[in-house]
Protein backbone atom coordinates (compact mmCIF):
# COMPACT_ATOMS: atom_id res chain seq x y z
CA MET A 1 -8.09 -3.64 18.90
CA LEU A 2 -8.22 -2.44 22.53
CA LYS A 3 -4.80 -0.82 22.15
CA ILE A 4 -6.03 1.12 19.12
CA TRP A 5 -9.05 2.48 20.97
CA LEU A 6 -6.88 3.48 23.93
CA TYR A 7 -4.57 5.27 21.51
CA LEU A 8 -7.50 7.19 20.03
CA LEU A 9 -8.82 8.15 23.46
CA ILE A 10 -5.41 9.66 24.21
CA LEU A 11 -5.13 11.30 20.79
CA LEU A 12 -8.54 12.92 20.41
CA PRO A 13 -8.25 15.56 23.18
CA PHE A 14 -5.14 16.94 21.44
CA VAL A 15 -6.40 16.96 17.86
CA GLY A 16 -7.88 20.43 18.20
CA PHE A 17 -10.88 20.30 15.86
CA THR A 18 -12.30 23.60 14.58
CA GLN A 19 -15.26 24.41 12.41
CA ASN A 20 -12.86 25.32 9.63
CA ASP A 21 -11.17 21.91 9.55
CA PRO A 22 -11.69 19.94 6.34
CA ASP A 23 -14.25 17.15 6.46
CA PRO A 24 -12.27 13.87 6.36
CA TYR A 25 -15.14 12.07 4.63
CA ALA A 26 -15.26 14.71 1.89
CA ILE A 27 -11.49 14.31 1.38
CA ILE A 28 -11.90 10.55 1.16
CA ASP A 29 -14.78 10.95 -1.31
CA SER A 30 -12.47 12.98 -3.56
CA LEU A 31 -9.81 10.28 -3.19
CA LYS A 32 -12.35 7.58 -4.09
CA THR A 33 -13.29 9.49 -7.26
CA ARG A 34 -9.66 9.29 -8.37
CA VAL A 35 -8.97 5.72 -7.25
CA PHE A 36 -12.20 4.21 -8.61
CA SER A 37 -11.79 5.93 -11.99
CA VAL A 38 -9.23 3.23 -12.79
CA HIS A 39 -11.25 0.14 -13.71
CA ASP A 40 -8.31 -1.95 -14.91
CA TYR A 41 -4.67 -1.62 -15.90
CA GLN A 42 -1.60 -3.48 -17.08
CA VAL A 43 1.84 -2.31 -15.98
CA ASP A 44 5.48 -3.43 -15.97
CA ILE A 45 7.01 -3.63 -12.49
CA GLU A 46 10.53 -3.77 -11.10
CA ILE A 47 11.19 -4.91 -7.53
CA GLU A 48 14.38 -4.06 -5.62
CA VAL A 49 15.00 -5.23 -2.04
CA ASP A 50 17.02 -3.50 0.66
CA VAL A 51 16.96 -5.99 3.55
CA ASP A 52 20.19 -6.93 5.30
CA PHE A 53 19.59 -10.69 5.39
CA ILE A 54 18.06 -11.00 1.90
CA ASN A 55 20.21 -11.02 -1.21
CA MET A 56 18.05 -10.78 -4.32
CA PRO A 57 18.72 -9.37 -7.78
CA VAL A 58 16.26 -6.83 -9.15
CA LYS A 59 13.20 -8.67 -10.46
CA HIS A 60 10.72 -7.83 -13.22
CA ALA A 61 7.14 -8.80 -13.99
CA THR A 62 4.00 -7.65 -15.74
CA MET A 63 1.01 -7.00 -13.49
CA PHE A 64 -2.67 -6.99 -14.43
CA TYR A 65 -5.37 -5.48 -12.21
CA LYS A 66 -9.15 -5.28 -12.57
CA GLN A 67 -11.71 -3.98 -10.11
CA PRO A 68 -12.62 -4.91 -7.54
CA ASP A 69 -9.87 -7.36 -6.56
CA LYS A 70 -8.47 -9.27 -9.55
CA ILE A 71 -4.67 -9.37 -9.74
CA LYS A 72 -2.42 -11.37 -12.04
CA PHE A 73 1.35 -11.48 -12.54
CA LYS A 74 3.36 -12.78 -15.46
CA SER A 75 7.07 -13.34 -14.99
CA ASP A 76 9.78 -15.93 -15.50
CA GLU A 77 11.71 -14.60 -12.49
CA PHE A 78 9.35 -15.46 -9.62
CA ILE A 79 8.75 -18.76 -7.84
CA MET A 80 5.99 -17.37 -5.61
CA LEU A 81 4.41 -14.16 -6.84
CA PRO A 82 3.76 -11.33 -4.33
CA LYS A 83 0.01 -10.99 -4.96
CA LYS A 84 -0.76 -10.37 -1.29
CA GLY A 85 1.38 -7.26 -1.14
CA PHE A 86 -0.25 -5.71 -4.21
CA ASP A 87 -3.91 -6.06 -3.26
CA ASN A 88 -5.68 -2.72 -3.16
CA GLN A 89 -5.77 -1.87 0.54
CA PHE A 90 -7.53 1.44 -0.20
CA GLN A 91 -10.49 -0.27 -1.81
CA LYS A 92 -10.57 -2.96 0.87
CA ILE A 93 -10.85 -0.33 3.58
CA LEU A 94 -13.24 1.95 1.69
CA ASN A 95 -15.61 -0.89 0.79
CA GLU A 96 -16.18 -1.73 4.47
CA PRO A 97 -17.52 0.42 7.34
CA TYR A 98 -14.88 2.76 8.75
CA ASN A 99 -14.42 5.86 10.88
CA ALA A 100 -12.22 8.74 9.71
CA ILE A 101 -10.54 11.45 11.79
CA TYR A 102 -8.83 14.53 10.35
CA THR A 103 -5.72 15.20 12.48
CA GLY A 104 -4.18 18.18 10.69
CA THR A 105 -1.48 18.63 8.06
CA GLU A 106 2.15 17.60 7.65
CA ASP A 107 4.82 18.40 5.10
CA ILE A 108 6.20 15.64 2.89
CA SER A 109 9.04 16.65 0.57
CA GLY A 110 8.18 20.31 1.14
CA LYS A 111 4.47 20.00 0.32
CA THR A 112 1.59 20.17 2.79
CA GLN A 113 -0.54 17.03 3.05
CA TYR A 114 -3.82 16.30 4.80
CA VAL A 115 -3.42 13.64 7.51
CA ILE A 116 -6.37 11.33 8.19
CA LYS A 117 -6.67 8.40 10.60
CA ILE A 118 -8.81 5.53 9.31
CA ILE A 119 -10.32 2.97 11.68
CA PRO A 120 -11.79 -0.02 9.79
CA MET A 121 -14.98 -1.24 11.47
CA GLY A 122 -15.50 -4.50 9.59
CA LYS A 123 -15.27 -7.93 11.17
CA LYS A 124 -11.62 -8.69 12.09
CA PRO A 125 -9.98 -6.41 9.45
CA GLU A 126 -6.35 -7.15 8.59
CA ILE A 127 -5.50 -3.46 9.02
CA ILE A 128 -6.75 -2.16 12.37
CA LEU A 129 -5.54 1.44 12.05
CA ALA A 130 -4.33 3.32 8.98
CA THR A 131 -2.92 6.81 8.59
CA TRP A 132 -3.20 8.38 5.14
CA TRP A 133 -1.36 11.46 3.91
CA ILE A 134 -3.36 12.94 1.02
CA ASP A 135 -2.29 15.65 -1.43
CA PRO A 136 -4.86 18.48 -1.22
CA ASP A 137 -4.35 19.36 -4.90
CA THR A 138 -4.57 15.91 -6.49
CA TYR A 139 -6.39 13.97 -3.75
CA LEU A 140 -3.95 11.10 -4.22
CA ILE A 141 -2.35 9.26 -1.31
CA THR A 142 1.33 10.12 -0.89
CA ARG A 143 2.01 8.01 2.20
CA THR A 144 0.28 5.35 4.26
CA GLU A 145 1.10 3.85 7.62
CA SER A 146 -0.73 0.61 8.32
CA ASN A 147 -0.98 -1.09 11.71
CA THR A 148 -1.94 -4.69 11.00
CA ARG A 149 -3.46 -7.33 13.19
CA ASP A 150 -0.68 -9.90 12.72
CA GLN A 151 2.08 -8.41 10.54
CA GLY A 152 3.26 -5.38 12.51
CA THR A 153 3.44 -1.90 10.99
CA PHE A 154 4.62 -0.83 7.56
CA VAL A 155 4.83 2.50 5.74
CA ILE A 156 4.42 3.01 1.99
CA ASP A 157 5.55 6.19 0.21
CA PHE A 158 4.14 6.86 -3.25
CA LYS A 159 5.54 8.87 -6.17
CA TYR A 160 3.43 10.04 -9.12
CA ASP A 161 5.62 11.15 -12.02
CA GLU A 162 3.13 10.79 -14.88
CA PRO A 163 0.71 13.74 -14.97
CA GLY A 164 -2.92 12.78 -15.41
CA ILE A 165 -2.39 9.20 -14.22
CA GLU A 166 -3.90 8.30 -10.85
CA LEU A 167 -1.41 5.48 -10.29
CA PRO A 168 2.07 5.62 -8.75
CA THR A 169 5.32 5.31 -10.64
CA GLU A 170 7.13 4.15 -7.50
CA MET A 171 6.25 2.69 -4.09
CA THR A 172 8.77 2.48 -1.25
CA VAL A 173 7.70 0.04 1.45
CA SER A 174 9.45 0.51 4.82
CA PHE A 175 9.04 -1.83 7.77
CA GLU A 176 10.55 -3.16 10.96
CA ILE A 177 11.37 -6.81 10.50
CA GLU A 178 10.31 -9.32 13.10
CA LYS A 179 9.13 -12.05 10.76
CA ILE A 180 10.29 -13.05 7.28
CA SER A 181 6.65 -12.89 6.14
CA ILE A 182 6.66 -9.07 5.97
CA PRO A 183 9.26 -8.68 3.20
CA LEU A 184 7.95 -11.78 1.44
CA LYS A 185 4.52 -10.18 1.35
CA PHE A 186 5.91 -7.57 -1.05
CA ILE A 187 8.58 -9.49 -2.95
CA GLY A 188 7.25 -13.04 -3.13
CA LYS A 189 9.79 -15.83 -3.42
CA THR A 190 12.10 -15.51 -6.37
CA ALA A 191 14.76 -17.41 -8.22
CA GLY A 192 18.20 -16.30 -7.08
CA MET A 193 17.02 -15.05 -3.67
CA GLU A 194 19.28 -15.96 -0.75
CA ILE A 195 18.27 -15.61 2.93
CA ASP A 196 21.07 -15.43 5.50
CA LYS A 197 19.33 -16.51 8.71
CA SER A 198 22.43 -15.67 10.77
CA LYS A 199 21.65 -11.97 10.18
CA MET A 200 18.01 -12.20 11.23
CA ASP A 201 18.53 -11.74 14.97
CA GLY A 202 17.08 -8.63 16.62
CA LYS A 203 14.76 -5.97 15.29
CA GLN A 204 15.82 -4.64 11.90
CA THR A 205 14.42 -2.33 9.27
CA GLY A 206 14.05 -2.98 5.58
CA ARG A 207 12.76 -1.42 2.38
CA VAL A 208 11.30 -2.72 -0.84
CA TYR A 209 11.29 -0.44 -3.89
CA ILE A 210 8.60 -1.16 -6.47
CA ARG A 211 8.74 0.80 -9.72
CA PHE A 212 5.96 0.93 -12.31
CA SER A 213 6.23 1.78 -16.01
CA ASN A 214 4.27 1.48 -19.27
CA TYR A 215 0.81 1.77 -17.76
CA ARG A 216 -2.08 0.69 -19.99
CA ILE A 217 -5.18 1.93 -18.21
CA ASN A 218 -8.87 1.12 -18.73
CA GLN A 219 -8.27 -1.11 -21.75
CA SER A 220 -11.02 -3.59 -20.76
CA ILE A 221 -8.74 -6.46 -19.75
CA ASP A 222 -10.27 -9.84 -20.53
CA ASP A 223 -11.32 -11.82 -17.43
CA GLN A 224 -9.64 -14.90 -18.91
CA ILE A 225 -6.25 -13.43 -18.07
CA PHE A 226 -7.04 -13.82 -14.37
CA GLU A 227 -8.25 -17.39 -14.77
CA GLU A 228 -4.95 -18.73 -16.08
CA GLU A 229 -3.02 -20.88 -13.61
CA GLU A 230 -0.12 -19.33 -11.74
CA PRO A 231 3.31 -20.90 -12.29
CA GLU A 232 4.28 -23.33 -9.53
């Protein structure tokens, strides 16, 4: 945490605030309106891995989500389901005390995005500093960079290809690999996955592509679905 505060002390003199800068808390409030409008959903997912030492065929599952934190997967292709990587980090951060700093704008794929630094203030948060790129037209997050307490840093890019739906059609998770736990956080452990430990030496990068289709949103998912036992 000390490193994060030192970083902010260095950053703040160069941010260049003006009275005309957008209010980061107002931007986040608009984001929350979009995110929290989705009470539950069911969606089909496809997971593809691009990590040098992991060989895994594309995997499929059905995912169920219900506010505030219920997640369930159904699939015959997973041994250990990647629930940890799909928890709603936005809601986790926004439901706890946090500080927000507007740092300007950046272009992503030719479109200007607001850039906001989020500093969670809860007790020992998993994410200690987050950067969010937010579309000023839709108030949806297009990219996040998360600095975690124990798992290093990872970046997620989001695509939204279904107009009127506040949920992504694709997530691309990019990370530097120091521990096998980072890719496993997003892909779980699956049948047919092979890990070549001889290729794990040194710092490497990897990506996980997660594609979503056939959303069924706000259909009042029964709580019993989340009480069923996970496959072993």
